[in-house]
Protein backbone atom coordinates (compact mmCIF):
# COMPACT_ATOMS: atom_id res chain seq x y z
CA MET A 1 -8.40 5.85 -32.12
CA LEU A 2 -7.00 8.52 -29.79
CA PHE A 3 -7.73 8.39 -26.08
CA SER A 4 -8.14 11.47 -23.91
CA ASN A 5 -5.85 12.16 -20.96
CA HIS A 6 -8.74 11.33 -18.64
CA GLN A 7 -9.26 7.94 -20.30
CA LYS A 8 -5.54 7.17 -20.15
CA GLY A 9 -5.45 8.18 -16.49
CA LEU A 10 -8.51 6.08 -15.71
CA ALA A 11 -6.94 3.06 -17.44
CA ALA A 12 -3.73 3.54 -15.43
CA GLY A 13 -5.71 3.93 -12.20
CA LEU A 14 -7.79 0.81 -12.82
CA PHE A 15 -4.63 -1.10 -13.71
CA CYS A 16 -2.75 -0.22 -10.53
CA PHE A 17 -5.62 -0.79 -8.10
CA ILE A 18 -6.68 -4.07 -9.74
CA PHE A 19 -3.02 -5.12 -9.73
CA TRP A 20 -2.75 -4.35 -6.00
CA GLY A 21 -5.97 -6.25 -5.36
CA PHE A 22 -4.56 -9.43 -6.88
CA ALA A 23 -1.04 -8.95 -5.45
CA PRO A 24 -1.70 -11.32 -2.50
CA MET A 25 -1.97 -14.20 -4.99
CA TYR A 26 1.60 -13.51 -6.10
CA PHE A 27 3.03 -13.50 -2.60
CA LYS A 28 1.07 -16.65 -1.78
CA LEU A 29 3.40 -18.41 -4.22
CA LEU A 30 6.26 -17.54 -1.84
CA GLN A 31 4.49 -18.91 1.22
CA ASP A 32 7.49 -21.04 2.25
CA VAL A 33 9.88 -18.07 2.26
CA PRO A 34 10.08 -15.90 5.43
CA ALA A 35 8.41 -12.52 4.97
CA ILE A 36 11.57 -10.58 5.86
CA VAL A 37 13.50 -12.37 3.09
CA ILE A 38 10.75 -11.52 0.59
CA ILE A 39 10.86 -7.86 1.66
CA ALA A 40 14.67 -7.76 1.39
CA HIS A 41 14.43 -9.00 -2.20
CA ARG A 42 11.50 -6.68 -2.87
CA VAL A 43 13.57 -3.68 -1.75
CA ILE A 44 16.71 -4.65 -3.70
CA TRP A 45 15.05 -5.53 -7.01
CA GLY A 46 12.44 -2.78 -6.67
CA SER A 47 15.25 -0.27 -6.26
CA LEU A 48 16.96 -1.66 -9.36
CA PHE A 49 13.81 -1.54 -11.51
CA LEU A 50 13.03 2.00 -10.37
CA PHE A 51 16.61 3.14 -10.99
CA VAL A 52 16.47 1.85 -14.58
CA PHE A 53 13.07 3.47 -15.19
CA LEU A 54 14.12 6.87 -13.81
CA ALA A 55 17.50 6.75 -15.58
CA ILE A 56 15.71 6.20 -18.92
CA ARG A 57 13.06 8.84 -18.21
CA GLU A 58 15.36 11.55 -16.87
CA ARG A 59 18.43 10.78 -19.01
CA ARG A 60 21.00 13.55 -18.54
CA ASP A 61 18.96 15.14 -15.76
CA PHE A 62 18.94 11.97 -13.65
CA PHE A 63 21.49 13.02 -11.02
CA LYS A 64 20.11 16.55 -10.91
CA THR A 65 16.61 15.17 -10.35
CA MET A 66 17.80 12.85 -7.59
CA ARG A 67 19.41 15.69 -5.62
CA ILE A 68 17.72 16.24 -2.24
CA THR A 69 18.47 18.07 0.99
CA ALA A 70 19.63 16.49 4.26
CA LYS A 71 16.24 17.32 5.80
CA GLN A 72 14.42 15.56 2.96
CA MET A 73 16.70 12.55 3.29
CA ALA A 74 15.97 12.28 7.03
CA ALA A 75 12.22 12.44 6.36
CA LEU A 76 12.52 9.86 3.56
CA PHE A 77 14.43 7.55 5.89
CA ILE A 78 11.48 7.66 8.30
CA SER A 79 8.95 7.16 5.50
CA GLY A 80 11.08 4.29 4.16
CA ILE A 81 10.95 2.53 7.54
CA LEU A 82 7.18 3.02 7.64
CA VAL A 83 6.54 1.65 4.14
CA ALA A 84 8.94 -1.28 4.65
CA SER A 85 7.14 -2.13 7.91
CA ASN A 86 3.84 -1.96 6.05
CA TRP A 87 5.15 -4.23 3.28
CA LEU A 88 6.54 -6.67 5.86
CA MET A 89 3.26 -6.96 7.74
CA PHE A 90 1.32 -7.27 4.47
CA VAL A 91 3.52 -10.08 3.15
CA TRP A 92 3.57 -11.86 6.52
CA ALA A 93 -0.23 -11.69 6.71
CA VAL A 94 -0.68 -12.97 3.14
CA THR A 95 1.71 -15.89 3.66
CA HIS A 96 -0.04 -16.77 6.95
CA ASP A 97 -3.59 -16.93 5.53
CA GLN A 98 -4.62 -13.47 6.73
CA ILE A 99 -5.54 -11.76 3.45
CA LEU A 100 -8.90 -10.79 4.94
CA ALA A 101 -7.07 -8.81 7.64
CA THR A 102 -5.07 -6.92 5.00
CA SER A 103 -8.30 -6.07 3.19
CA LEU A 104 -9.79 -4.69 6.40
CA GLY A 105 -6.64 -2.65 7.02
CA TYR A 106 -6.73 -0.93 3.66
CA PHE A 107 -10.47 -0.24 4.00
CA ILE A 108 -9.76 1.45 7.36
CA ASN A 109 -6.85 3.46 5.94
CA PRO A 110 -8.87 6.36 4.39
CA LEU A 111 -10.55 6.90 7.77
CA VAL A 112 -7.17 6.82 9.52
CA ASN A 113 -6.01 9.48 7.05
CA ILE A 114 -8.92 11.71 8.10
CA LEU A 115 -8.02 11.23 11.77
CA LEU A 116 -4.31 11.93 11.20
CA GLY A 117 -5.15 15.04 9.21
CA THR A 118 -7.19 16.30 12.15
CA LEU A 119 -4.57 15.46 14.78
CA PHE A 120 -1.40 16.57 12.99
CA LEU A 121 -2.40 18.93 10.18
CA HIS A 122 -5.15 20.74 12.09
CA GLU A 123 -7.72 19.90 9.44
CA GLU A 124 -11.31 20.11 10.64
CA MET A 125 -13.51 17.07 10.29
CA THR A 126 -16.96 17.58 8.86
CA HIS A 127 -19.98 16.30 10.74
CA ALA A 128 -20.19 13.35 8.33
CA GLN A 129 -16.51 12.50 8.81
CA LYS A 130 -16.91 12.49 12.60
CA TRP A 131 -19.79 10.05 12.29
CA ALA A 132 -17.81 7.90 9.85
CA VAL A 133 -14.76 7.69 12.15
CA ALA A 134 -17.01 6.89 15.13
CA ILE A 135 -18.83 4.10 13.24
CA ALA A 136 -15.57 2.61 11.91
CA SER A 137 -14.02 2.72 15.39
CA ALA A 138 -17.06 1.00 16.90
CA ALA A 139 -16.99 -1.67 14.17
CA THR A 140 -13.28 -2.31 14.73
CA LEU A 141 -13.77 -2.52 18.50
CA PHE A 142 -16.62 -4.99 18.01
CA LEU A 143 -14.39 -7.21 15.89
CA GLY A 144 -11.71 -7.04 18.59
CA PHE A 145 -14.14 -8.14 21.28
CA TYR A 146 -15.55 -10.85 19.02
CA ILE A 147 -12.19 -12.45 18.21
CA GLY A 148 -10.82 -11.84 21.70
CA GLN A 149 -8.04 -9.45 20.71
CA PRO A 150 -7.60 -6.25 18.70
CA PRO A 151 -7.34 -6.78 14.90
CA TRP A 152 -3.62 -5.97 15.07
CA ILE A 153 -2.79 -6.73 11.45
CA ALA A 154 -5.49 -4.46 10.03
CA LEU A 155 -4.70 -1.66 12.49
CA PHE A 156 -0.95 -1.90 11.88
CA LEU A 157 -1.41 -1.72 8.10
CA ALA A 158 -3.86 1.18 8.29
CA ILE A 159 -1.78 3.21 10.78
CA THR A 160 1.65 2.65 9.18
CA PHE A 161 0.33 3.50 5.72
CA GLY A 162 -1.49 6.52 7.12
CA LEU A 163 1.68 7.73 8.86
CA TYR A 164 3.63 7.07 5.65
CA GLY A 165 1.26 9.34 3.76
CA LEU A 166 1.48 11.96 6.51
CA VAL A 167 5.29 12.05 6.36
CA LYS A 168 5.32 12.14 2.55
CA LYS A 169 2.83 15.04 2.63
CA GLN A 170 5.44 17.10 4.52
CA ILE A 171 8.16 16.51 1.91
CA ASN A 172 8.20 18.63 -1.23
CA ILE A 173 9.51 15.90 -3.52
CA LYS A 174 8.12 13.93 -6.47
CA PRO A 175 6.65 10.55 -5.40
CA LEU A 176 8.88 8.33 -7.56
CA ILE A 177 12.03 10.24 -6.59
CA GLY A 178 11.05 9.86 -2.95
CA LEU A 179 10.40 6.14 -3.41
CA MET A 180 13.77 5.76 -5.14
CA TRP A 181 15.58 7.27 -2.15
CA GLU A 182 13.52 5.20 0.29
CA THR A 183 14.42 1.94 -1.43
CA VAL A 184 18.06 2.97 -1.93
CA MET A 185 18.46 3.64 1.80
CA LEU A 186 16.83 0.31 2.61
CA THR A 187 18.92 -1.61 0.07
CA VAL A 188 22.10 -1.66 2.19
CA PRO A 189 20.47 -3.28 5.28
CA ALA A 190 18.54 -5.61 2.93
CA VAL A 191 21.76 -6.82 1.27
CA ILE A 192 23.52 -7.20 4.65
CA TYR A 193 20.60 -9.24 5.99
CA LEU A 194 20.54 -11.58 3.00
CA LEU A 195 24.32 -12.05 2.99
CA PHE A 196 24.93 -12.54 6.71
CA PHE A 197 21.67 -13.62 8.31
CA ALA A 198 19.77 -15.48 5.59
CA SER A 199 22.54 -17.30 3.73
CA PRO A 200 20.97 -20.79 4.10
CA LEU A 201 17.82 -19.42 2.48
CA LEU A 202 19.86 -17.90 -0.32
CA ASP A 203 21.45 -21.28 -0.98
CA ALA A 204 18.01 -22.84 -1.04
CA SER A 205 16.80 -20.25 -3.53
CA ASP A 206 18.91 -21.87 -6.24
CA ASN A 207 15.49 -23.19 -7.14
CA ASN A 208 14.98 -21.15 -10.31
CA ASN A 209 11.24 -20.69 -9.86
CA GLN A 210 11.61 -19.34 -6.34
CA PHE A 211 14.44 -17.01 -7.27
CA LEU A 212 12.48 -15.64 -10.24
CA LEU A 213 9.48 -15.00 -7.99
CA LEU A 214 11.72 -13.12 -5.53
CA PHE A 215 13.35 -11.19 -8.36
CA PHE A 216 10.06 -10.12 -9.91
CA ALA A 217 8.71 -9.12 -6.47
CA GLY A 218 10.54 -5.86 -7.23
CA LEU A 219 8.55 -5.40 -10.42
CA VAL A 220 5.33 -6.28 -8.56
CA THR A 221 6.23 -3.40 -6.23
CA ILE A 222 7.20 -0.79 -8.81
CA LEU A 223 4.87 -1.46 -11.77
CA PRO A 224 1.57 -0.49 -10.08
CA LEU A 225 3.27 2.54 -8.52
CA LEU A 226 4.15 3.80 -12.00
CA GLY A 227 0.52 3.38 -13.00
CA PHE A 228 -0.65 5.15 -9.86
CA ASN A 229 1.66 8.12 -10.38
CA TYR A 230 0.46 8.48 -13.98
CA ALA A 231 -3.18 8.26 -12.88
CA ALA A 232 -2.63 10.82 -10.12
CA LYS A 233 -1.49 13.36 -12.73
CA LYS A 234 -4.49 12.82 -15.00
CA LEU A 235 -7.38 12.24 -12.58
CA SER A 236 -8.98 14.21 -9.78
CA LEU A 237 -8.14 13.23 -6.20
CA ILE A 238 -11.83 12.50 -5.67
CA LEU A 239 -11.84 9.86 -8.41
CA ILE A 240 -8.52 8.43 -7.15
CA GLY A 241 -10.15 8.19 -3.73
CA PHE A 242 -12.94 6.02 -5.09
CA LEU A 243 -10.62 3.87 -7.17
CA GLN A 244 -8.56 3.00 -4.09
CA TYR A 245 -11.43 0.86 -2.76
CA ILE A 246 -10.97 -1.54 -5.69
CA ALA A 247 -7.82 -3.18 -4.27
CA PRO A 248 -9.15 -4.20 -0.82
CA SER A 249 -12.45 -5.24 -2.42
CA ILE A 250 -10.63 -7.70 -4.70
CA SER A 251 -8.47 -8.91 -1.80
CA PHE A 252 -11.62 -9.45 0.26
CA ILE A 253 -13.22 -11.54 -2.48
CA ILE A 254 -10.19 -13.75 -3.12
CA ALA A 255 -9.60 -14.23 0.63
CA VAL A 256 -13.12 -15.52 1.25
CA LEU A 257 -14.01 -17.21 -2.04
CA PHE A 258 -10.66 -18.34 -3.40
CA TYR A 259 -8.60 -19.13 -0.28
CA GLY A 260 -11.52 -19.97 2.01
CA GLU A 261 -10.55 -17.69 4.90
CA THR A 262 -13.14 -17.66 7.69
CA PHE A 263 -15.58 -14.77 7.49
CA THR A 264 -17.11 -14.75 10.96
CA PHE A 265 -20.08 -12.82 12.29
CA GLY A 266 -17.58 -10.41 13.85
CA HIS A 267 -16.02 -9.80 10.43
CA GLN A 268 -19.47 -9.27 8.91
CA VAL A 269 -20.31 -6.57 11.46
CA ALA A 270 -16.89 -4.93 11.18
CA PHE A 271 -16.85 -4.81 7.39
CA ALA A 272 -20.47 -3.63 7.28
CA GLY A 273 -19.66 -0.80 9.70
CA ILE A 274 -16.54 0.27 7.83
CA TRP A 275 -18.31 0.13 4.46
CA MET A 276 -21.06 2.28 5.95
CA ALA A 277 -18.44 4.74 7.22
CA LEU A 278 -16.80 4.88 3.79
CA LEU A 279 -20.20 5.46 2.18
CA ILE A 280 -20.83 8.38 4.53
CA VAL A 281 -17.51 10.11 3.74
CA SER A 282 -17.77 9.28 0.04
CA TRP A 283 -21.33 10.35 -0.67
CA LYS A 284 -20.72 14.10 -0.96
CA PRO A 285 -17.54 13.78 -3.13
CA PHE A 286 -19.31 11.17 -5.30
CA HIS A 287 -22.31 13.45 -5.75
CA LYS A 288 -19.93 16.28 -6.71
CA LEU A 289 -18.08 13.99 -9.14
CA ILE A 290 -21.14 12.80 -11.06
CA ARG A 291 -22.45 16.36 -11.31
CA GLY A 292 -19.13 17.35 -12.90
């Protein structure tokens, strides 16, 4: 039975977003390892996995494909810092029983993207988008007042990932090539950190299970990205936009039901407000999608 390009793209999209949704469960297994050590391994092994994949895919054109300008390299260095910071906060939050906060952050992210597009790309918000951003902002502020401090983890994740997307939007370079350069540039400081500042932890990681988990953290990073890039080529951006809500929805469910994280009244109001905001900005694209 042959599958259409749309069906293949949909399968790849579902795979990557479901994978990302369950990713916190993987990093929970490394709860005793400092987040910065996990990220260092994630960068090194992720870079290696991506190098092998691109070398096989591009073959003789590999070095030609990897060629970039100094301006692109500078921009990719900035985007690399942003995505590494995002990864670091995500892993720290997961290993410190804050999966719910990561879910909130990635639900807020699409609304942050709208705001950044308005501020930096001079895109005009529709009336519905203005209402959505206002409702989400009010919901986030309410949660801050309720818990006695701003929801820093969620805001940091949403803003750094939004800025990462903004920087990448300015670079005319294929996503996987850009990610390859980002991880390559981060590999040197990652290796230096592990060799000179985390050597006791490296000795301790002679534990085969722990080392394997750290090693495959690179694959956990790269594998869903390959699926996402394939899906992005085969599906409309509107459908990709809806699929992206799968990951934080799964994270939300496992945080509350599986790990028993506290879902306070403040969280209920905040999530309800943000879901309402997402519904507002999604209704028109969804209506357009189902009408074909």
